[in-house]
Amino acid sequence: PGSGRRLEVFTSEPAIHLYSANHVPLAKDATGKAGVKFGYRSGFCLETQHLPDSPNNPEEYPSTVLAPGGHFRSATAFCFGLAEADEILGSVHGDAQLCRPGFE
């Protein structure tokens, strides 16, 4: 991207849901640090999860069934970096190599 920022997401989940908050009304005085005003689409959320229709399509999607006494485990790593780090380190993933988890 033009900003040079990079985000890599590694997860044991089969999907990521993007919330853009397009329909969340912002208060007129919604401000952040140093008085910065929040505007329309000024933030987003990435939620790792199973596919929304998984329970209705068990033959097509991974199961979401958790039996009594069962355990649920999920892992997600968000690796933030700068595109210029790729050039400096000479790596495809630059500094994200340092946070690459073992559950790919």
C-alpha atoms as a PDB file:
ATOM      1  CA  PRO A   1       0.000   0.000   0.000  1.00  0.00           C
ATOM      2  CA  GLY A   2       0.984   3.601  -0.422  1.00  0.00           C
ATOM      3  CA  SER A   3       1.384   4.076   3.341  1.00  0.00           C
ATOM      4  CA  GLY A   4       4.094   1.430   3.584  1.00  0.00           C
ATOM      5  CA  ARG A   5       2.243  -0.296   6.407  1.00  0.00           C
ATOM      6  CA  ARG A   6       1.813  -4.055   6.289  1.00  0.00           C
ATOM      7  CA  LEU A   7      -0.390  -6.451   8.238  1.00  0.00           C
ATOM      8  CA  GLU A   8      -0.117 -10.221   8.027  1.00  0.00           C
ATOM      9  CA  VAL A   9      -2.676 -12.407   9.770  1.00  0.00           C
ATOM     10  CA  PHE A  10      -1.992 -16.026  10.708  1.00  0.00           C
ATOM     11  CA  THR A  11      -4.824 -18.063  12.180  1.00  0.00           C
ATOM     12  CA  SER A  12      -6.010 -21.577  12.868  1.00  0.00           C
ATOM     13  CA  GLU A  13      -9.509 -20.486  11.850  1.00  0.00           C
ATOM     14  CA  PRO A  14     -10.805 -21.013   8.284  1.00  0.00           C
ATOM     15  CA  ALA A  15     -12.106 -17.451   7.756  1.00  0.00           C
ATOM     16  CA  ILE A  16     -11.759 -13.790   8.669  1.00  0.00           C
ATOM     17  CA  HIS A  17     -14.742 -11.464   9.017  1.00  0.00           C
ATOM     18  CA  LEU A  18     -14.188  -7.772   8.266  1.00  0.00           C
ATOM     19  CA  TYR A  19     -16.226  -5.225  10.198  1.00  0.00           C
ATOM     20  CA  SER A  20     -15.994  -1.784   8.637  1.00  0.00           C
ATOM     21  CA  ALA A  21     -18.448   0.011  10.969  1.00  0.00           C
ATOM     22  CA  ASN A  22     -20.079   1.692   7.975  1.00  0.00           C
ATOM     23  CA  HIS A  23     -23.411   1.814   9.767  1.00  0.00           C
ATOM     24  CA  VAL A  24     -22.248   2.715  13.257  1.00  0.00           C
ATOM     25  CA  PRO A  25     -23.351   6.257  14.089  1.00  0.00           C
ATOM     26  CA  LEU A  26     -20.463   8.285  15.438  1.00  0.00           C
ATOM     27  CA  ALA A  27     -21.029  10.852  18.138  1.00  0.00           C
ATOM     28  CA  LYS A  28     -20.304  14.409  17.035  1.00  0.00           C
ATOM     29  CA  ASP A  29     -17.607  14.611  19.668  1.00  0.00           C
ATOM     30  CA  ALA A  30     -15.961  11.223  18.966  1.00  0.00           C
ATOM     31  CA  THR A  31     -12.310  12.023  19.465  1.00  0.00           C
ATOM     32  CA  GLY A  32      -9.175  10.014  20.028  1.00  0.00           C
ATOM     33  CA  LYS A  33      -5.730  10.768  21.353  1.00  0.00           C
ATOM     34  CA  ALA A  34      -4.459  14.299  20.901  1.00  0.00           C
ATOM     35  CA  GLY A  35      -7.998  15.431  19.963  1.00  0.00           C
ATOM     36  CA  VAL A  36      -8.032  13.612  16.606  1.00  0.00           C
ATOM     37  CA  LYS A  37     -11.621  13.412  15.285  1.00  0.00           C
ATOM     38  CA  PHE A  38     -12.950  10.040  14.180  1.00  0.00           C
ATOM     39  CA  GLY A  39     -14.766  10.071  10.868  1.00  0.00           C
ATOM     40  CA  TYR A  40     -16.739   7.681   8.717  1.00  0.00           C
ATOM     41  CA  ARG A  41     -14.759   4.458   8.116  1.00  0.00           C
ATOM     42  CA  SER A  42     -11.994   5.592  10.450  1.00  0.00           C
ATOM     43  CA  GLY A  43     -11.509   2.088  11.801  1.00  0.00           C
ATOM     44  CA  PHE A  44     -12.080  -1.596  11.131  1.00  0.00           C
ATOM     45  CA  CYS A  45     -12.004  -4.927  12.912  1.00  0.00           C
ATOM     46  CA  LEU A  46     -10.744  -8.316  11.710  1.00  0.00           C
ATOM     47  CA  GLU A  47     -12.338 -11.275  13.502  1.00  0.00           C
ATOM     48  CA  THR A  48     -11.025 -14.769  12.817  1.00  0.00           C
ATOM     49  CA  GLN A  49     -13.788 -17.345  12.923  1.00  0.00           C
ATOM     50  CA  HIS A  50     -15.511 -20.232  11.226  1.00  0.00           C
ATOM     51  CA  LEU A  51     -17.596 -19.525   8.152  1.00  0.00           C
ATOM     52  CA  PRO A  52     -20.954 -18.010   9.151  1.00  0.00           C
ATOM     53  CA  ASP A  53     -23.075 -20.738   7.535  1.00  0.00           C
ATOM     54  CA  SER A  54     -20.944 -23.671   8.784  1.00  0.00           C
ATOM     55  CA  PRO A  55     -23.650 -25.220  11.002  1.00  0.00           C
ATOM     56  CA  ASN A  56     -26.037 -25.398   8.039  1.00  0.00           C
ATOM     57  CA  ASN A  57     -23.478 -26.850   5.607  1.00  0.00           C
ATOM     58  CA  PRO A  58     -21.462 -29.493   7.483  1.00  0.00           C
ATOM     59  CA  GLU A  59     -20.565 -31.267   4.242  1.00  0.00           C
ATOM     60  CA  GLU A  60     -18.980 -28.129   2.767  1.00  0.00           C
ATOM     61  CA  TYR A  61     -17.403 -26.345   5.750  1.00  0.00           C
ATOM     62  CA  PRO A  62     -15.370 -27.327   8.822  1.00  0.00           C
ATOM     63  CA  SER A  63     -17.537 -28.368  11.778  1.00  0.00           C
ATOM     64  CA  THR A  64     -18.489 -25.875  14.474  1.00  0.00           C
ATOM     65  CA  VAL A  65     -19.892 -28.545  16.819  1.00  0.00           C
ATOM     66  CA  LEU A  66     -18.434 -28.546  20.333  1.00  0.00           C
ATOM     67  CA  ALA A  67     -19.569 -31.587  22.306  1.00  0.00           C
ATOM     68  CA  PRO A  68     -20.180 -31.385  26.061  1.00  0.00           C
ATOM     69  CA  GLY A  69     -16.860 -31.625  27.859  1.00  0.00           C
ATOM     70  CA  GLY A  70     -15.031 -30.715  24.657  1.00  0.00           C
ATOM     71  CA  HIS A  71     -12.439 -27.977  24.346  1.00  0.00           C
ATOM     72  CA  PHE A  72     -12.250 -25.131  21.850  1.00  0.00           C
ATOM     73  CA  ARG A  73      -8.879 -23.752  20.857  1.00  0.00           C
ATOM     74  CA  SER A  74      -8.098 -21.028  18.390  1.00  0.00           C
ATOM     75  CA  ALA A  75      -4.975 -19.009  17.738  1.00  0.00           C
ATOM     76  CA  THR A  76      -4.462 -15.812  15.776  1.00  0.00           C
ATOM     77  CA  ALA A  77      -1.377 -13.640  15.326  1.00  0.00           C
ATOM     78  CA  PHE A  78      -1.447 -10.155  13.829  1.00  0.00           C
ATOM     79  CA  CYS A  79       1.986  -9.173  12.513  1.00  0.00           C
ATOM     80  CA  PHE A  80       2.456  -5.476  11.827  1.00  0.00           C
ATOM     81  CA  GLY A  81       5.368  -4.115   9.859  1.00  0.00           C
ATOM     82  CA  LEU A  82       6.613  -1.709   7.239  1.00  0.00           C
ATOM     83  CA  ALA A  83       7.050  -2.555   3.577  1.00  0.00           C
ATOM     84  CA  GLU A  84      10.499  -0.948   3.647  1.00  0.00           C
ATOM     85  CA  ALA A  85      11.614  -3.612   6.128  1.00  0.00           C
ATOM     86  CA  ASP A  86      11.350  -6.138   3.279  1.00  0.00           C
ATOM     87  CA  GLU A  87      13.980  -4.198   1.352  1.00  0.00           C
ATOM     88  CA  ILE A  88      16.252  -3.772   4.363  1.00  0.00           C
ATOM     89  CA  LEU A  89      16.052  -7.412   5.492  1.00  0.00           C
ATOM     90  CA  GLY A  90      15.940  -8.850   1.969  1.00  0.00           C
ATOM     91  CA  SER A  91      13.007 -11.071   2.868  1.00  0.00           C
ATOM     92  CA  VAL A  92       9.616 -11.691   1.329  1.00  0.00           C
ATOM     93  CA  HIS A  93       7.981 -11.112   4.707  1.00  0.00           C
ATOM     94  CA  GLY A  94      10.534  -8.785   6.279  1.00  0.00           C
ATOM     95  CA  ASP A  95      10.178  -8.366  10.030  1.00  0.00           C
ATOM     96  CA  ALA A  96       7.040 -10.568  10.099  1.00  0.00           C
ATOM     97  CA  GLN A  97       9.432 -13.553  10.111  1.00  0.00           C
ATOM     98  CA  LEU A  98      10.004 -12.729  13.767  1.00  0.00           C
ATOM     99  CA  CYS A  99       6.364 -13.268  14.686  1.00  0.00           C
ATOM    100  CA  ARG A 100       5.455 -16.106  12.327  1.00  0.00           C
ATOM    101  CA  PRO A 101       3.529 -18.595  14.482  1.00  0.00           C
ATOM    102  CA  GLY A 102       3.776 -22.354  14.295  1.00  0.00           C
ATOM    103  CA  PHE A 103       0.117 -23.040  13.474  1.00  0.00           C
ATOM    104  CA  GLU A 104       0.055 -22.130   9.777  1.00  0.00           C
END
